[in-house]
C-alpha atoms as a PDB file:
ATOM      1  CA  MET A   1      10.944 -23.030  17.846  1.00  0.00           C
ATOM      2  CA  MET A   2       7.692 -21.759  17.582  1.00  0.00           C
ATOM      3  CA  MET A   3       5.811 -22.548  14.496  1.00  0.00           C
ATOM      4  CA  ALA A   4       2.951 -19.980  13.166  1.00  0.00           C
ATOM      5  CA  ALA A   5      -0.783 -21.439  13.233  1.00  0.00           C
ATOM      6  CA  PHE A   6      -2.228 -22.285   9.718  1.00  0.00           C
ATOM      7  CA  HIS A   7      -5.420 -20.816   9.116  1.00  0.00           C
ATOM      8  CA  HIS A   8      -6.582 -21.758   5.639  1.00  0.00           C
ATOM      9  CA  GLU A   9      -9.068 -18.873   5.844  1.00  0.00           C
ATOM     10  CA  THR A  10      -6.408 -16.388   5.590  1.00  0.00           C
ATOM     11  CA  ALA A  11      -3.698 -18.598   3.898  1.00  0.00           C
ATOM     12  CA  ARG A  12      -4.862 -17.491   0.133  1.00  0.00           C
ATOM     13  CA  GLY A  13      -5.003 -13.556   1.197  1.00  0.00           C
ATOM     14  CA  GLY A  14      -1.317 -13.670   2.727  1.00  0.00           C
ATOM     15  CA  GLU A  15       1.501 -12.058   1.917  1.00  0.00           C
ATOM     16  CA  VAL A  16       3.605 -15.163   1.122  1.00  0.00           C
ATOM     17  CA  TYR A  17       0.505 -16.749  -0.665  1.00  0.00           C
ATOM     18  CA  ARG A  18       0.956 -13.543  -3.036  1.00  0.00           C
ATOM     19  CA  ALA A  19       4.500 -13.433  -3.511  1.00  0.00           C
ATOM     20  CA  ALA A  20       4.479 -17.042  -4.874  1.00  0.00           C
ATOM     21  CA  ARG A  21       1.381 -16.761  -6.842  1.00  0.00           C
ATOM     22  CA  PHE A  22       3.019 -13.446  -8.550  1.00  0.00           C
ATOM     23  CA  ALA A  23       5.992 -15.356  -8.974  1.00  0.00           C
ATOM     24  CA  LEU A  24       4.406 -18.227 -10.898  1.00  0.00           C
ATOM     25  CA  LEU A  25       2.303 -15.841 -13.131  1.00  0.00           C
ATOM     26  CA  THR A  26       5.377 -14.032 -13.949  1.00  0.00           C
ATOM     27  CA  GLN A  27       7.153 -17.368 -14.784  1.00  0.00           C
ATOM     28  CA  ARG A  28       4.075 -18.107 -16.744  1.00  0.00           C
ATOM     29  CA  ILE A  29       4.295 -14.768 -18.833  1.00  0.00           C
ATOM     30  CA  ILE A  30       8.298 -15.085 -19.579  1.00  0.00           C
ATOM     31  CA  GLN A  31       7.484 -18.470 -21.051  1.00  0.00           C
ATOM     32  CA  ASP A  32       4.572 -17.199 -23.245  1.00  0.00           C
ATOM     33  CA  ILE A  33       6.522 -14.316 -24.323  1.00  0.00           C
ATOM     34  CA  LYS A  34       9.723 -16.701 -25.289  1.00  0.00           C
ATOM     35  CA  ARG A  35       7.136 -18.596 -27.236  1.00  0.00           C
ATOM     36  CA  THR A  36       5.704 -16.168 -29.069  1.00  0.00           C
ATOM     37  CA  ASP A  37       8.816 -14.429 -30.067  1.00  0.00           C
ATOM     38  CA  ALA A  38       9.852 -17.990 -31.488  1.00  0.00           C
ATOM     39  CA  ALA A  39       6.776 -18.095 -33.308  1.00  0.00           C
ATOM     40  CA  ALA A  40       7.192 -14.708 -34.790  1.00  0.00           C
ATOM     41  CA  GLU A  41      10.958 -15.411 -35.719  1.00  0.00           C
ATOM     42  CA  LYS A  42       9.563 -18.562 -37.680  1.00  0.00           C
ATOM     43  CA  VAL A  43       6.969 -16.643 -39.272  1.00  0.00           C
ATOM     44  CA  GLU A  44       9.607 -13.983 -40.331  1.00  0.00           C
ATOM     45  CA  ARG A  45      11.824 -16.495 -41.823  1.00  0.00           C
ATOM     46  CA  MET A  46       8.923 -18.105 -43.642  1.00  0.00           C
ATOM     47  CA  LEU A  47       7.998 -14.509 -45.225  1.00  0.00           C
ATOM     48  CA  THR A  48      11.907 -14.024 -45.953  1.00  0.00           C
ATOM     49  CA  LYS A  49      11.478 -17.330 -47.892  1.00  0.00           C
ATOM     50  CA  LEU A  50       8.487 -16.502 -49.641  1.00  0.00           C
ATOM     51  CA  GLY A  51       9.763 -13.302 -50.758  1.00  0.00           C
ATOM     52  CA  GLU A  52      12.483 -14.635 -52.052  1.00  0.00           C
ATOM     53  CA  ALA A  53      10.747 -17.431 -54.015  1.00  0.00           C
ATOM     54  CA  ILE A  54       8.223 -14.860 -55.665  1.00  0.00           C
ATOM     55  CA  ALA A  55      11.502 -12.782 -56.167  1.00  0.00           C
ATOM     56  CA  PHE A  56      13.288 -15.517 -57.904  1.00  0.00           C
ATOM     57  CA  ASP A  57      10.101 -16.497 -60.440  1.00  0.00           C
ATOM     58  CA  GLU A  58       9.218 -12.746 -61.086  1.00  0.00           C
ATOM     59  CA  PRO A  59      11.537 -12.476 -64.074  1.00  0.00           C
ATOM     60  CA  ALA A  60       9.940 -15.309 -65.646  1.00  0.00           C
ATOM     61  CA  ARG A  61       6.217 -13.931 -65.392  1.00  0.00           C
ATOM     62  CA  THR A  62       4.954 -12.060 -68.132  1.00  0.00           C
ATOM     63  CA  GLY A  63       3.141  -9.683 -66.431  1.00  0.00           C
ATOM     64  CA  SER A  64      -0.190 -10.832 -67.076  1.00  0.00           C
ATOM     65  CA  LEU A  65      -2.676 -12.541 -64.357  1.00  0.00           C
ATOM     66  CA  GLY A  66      -3.684 -15.614 -66.401  1.00  0.00           C
ATOM     67  CA  PRO A  67      -1.914 -19.066 -66.599  1.00  0.00           C
ATOM     68  CA  ARG A  68       1.362 -19.243 -68.201  1.00  0.00           C
ATOM     69  CA  ARG A  69       1.501 -20.623 -71.794  1.00  0.00           C
ATOM     70  CA  PRO A  70       4.615 -22.069 -72.631  1.00  0.00           C
ATOM     71  CA  GLY A  71       6.643 -20.482 -75.728  1.00  0.00           C
END
């Protein structure tokens, strides 16, 4: 079996190198998308909680923007 000679000058520009590099970059992009999606879902959950907290507190407000006074 003959092995192809390794030429460092052409290895980085070769088809196999480009395919491997493309596969690695594709995996990195997929991981970044998954991480971003998870972060966005967390933000959505927190915004929902904030909205519920504001809605729960809303009936107690008197309509003024100043501090609340007992009584």
